[in-house]
Amino acid sequence: MAENAIASIPLKGGIDELPPIGFGTWLYRGGAGVLVRATERGCGFIDTAESYGNEDLVGSEIAPVRGSVFLATKVSPENLRLADVIRHCLRSIERLGVEAVDLYQVHWPNPQIPINETMRGMRHLVEEGLVRYVGVSNFSVAQMRAAQAALGDIPLVSNQIRYNLVERHLERDTVAWCRENGVAVIAYRPLARFELGAAEPVVVRIAKEVGRTPAQVLLNWAVGGGGVSAIPKTDRIERVDDLAAAARWRLTDRQRRRLEAGTG
C-alpha cells in the first residue's frame, strides 16, 4: 500500500477488512468485465441486493475471481420475519452461485416486524455457516443498538447509508456512533452526481490542484475521515481504474475543509 493511501476497514469480531473503495450494483447491467476489473484493482467488495434483481448476473460475473471477492447482498424489508430471512438468504445464495454470503444486510428497517425476530434469523444463518457477517442498511443509531442487542455475541459489523459531500446530515449521529463502536459505514451514492450544486466548482478546482478527477476527489473525501467504505457504481470498465485509485492518496485537512464549506 502506498504510504499516503487510505487504509482498509477491519470488520468487528472478524479477520476480514473492507477496502475503502468497493463497487455497488444498483441498476448494474454488466457484461463489460467491470466487477472482475474492480477486484483486480483491489476493490473486490461487491454489493448487491435481492431487490436489485441482478444477483444471478453478479454471481456469474464474479465467478472467475470469487476467492478474492468480499460479497454482500441484502434482504428486503418485507422479508424480515424469521422464516423469510432464512428462506430469502437461501434464494440469494442460489442466485449468486455461492456457498455462503460474506455480508448479509437488512436493506431497510421494518417497524412492523420486531428486530429481535429478524436478528434471530440472522443468528441462525451465521451459525449454519451461510452468512459470515451481519450488517444493516439505512438504520438509525437506536435501530443499530436494538439490532446489536438482539444479535448478542454476534457483532453487527456495518451500516450502509446514503453519504456523500452534500448529504452529511447523518455525520453527527449515525456516522459518529459507527466510528465510536467499530461499525463500518458503507456509503452508497458517494459521488452525489446530481446534487453537488454550489459545491461543484470547489470540487473541480481541488481536482485540478491535486491532479485527480472530480470523482476521485469526492470518493477520497467520503473515505478519508476513517471507517467508511464507499461503493460507487459503473457499467463502464474504463471508469474502474479511475474510481479504484481514489483511495491511493489523501486530501489535506485544509482541502477537506474547503470542500465541506463549499468555498474555493
Foldseek 3Di string as FASTA:
>chain_A
DFPFFFDWADFPPDDDTARQEAAEQQVAPADALQQVLLLVLVRQEYEEEVVSVCLLVQLVSCVVPVVSHQYEYEYEQVQQALVSLQVVLVVSCVSSVHQAHAEYEHEEHDPVDDLLRSLVNVLVCCVVVRYVAYEYEPDFPVRLVSNQVSNDPGDHAEYEYADWLVPCPCVVGPVVVCVVVSHAYEHEPQLCVPNCPLLVVLLCVVCVVVVADSSLSGSQLQPVVDRYRYHYYDRDNVCSVRNSCSRSHHDDPVSSVCSNVSHD
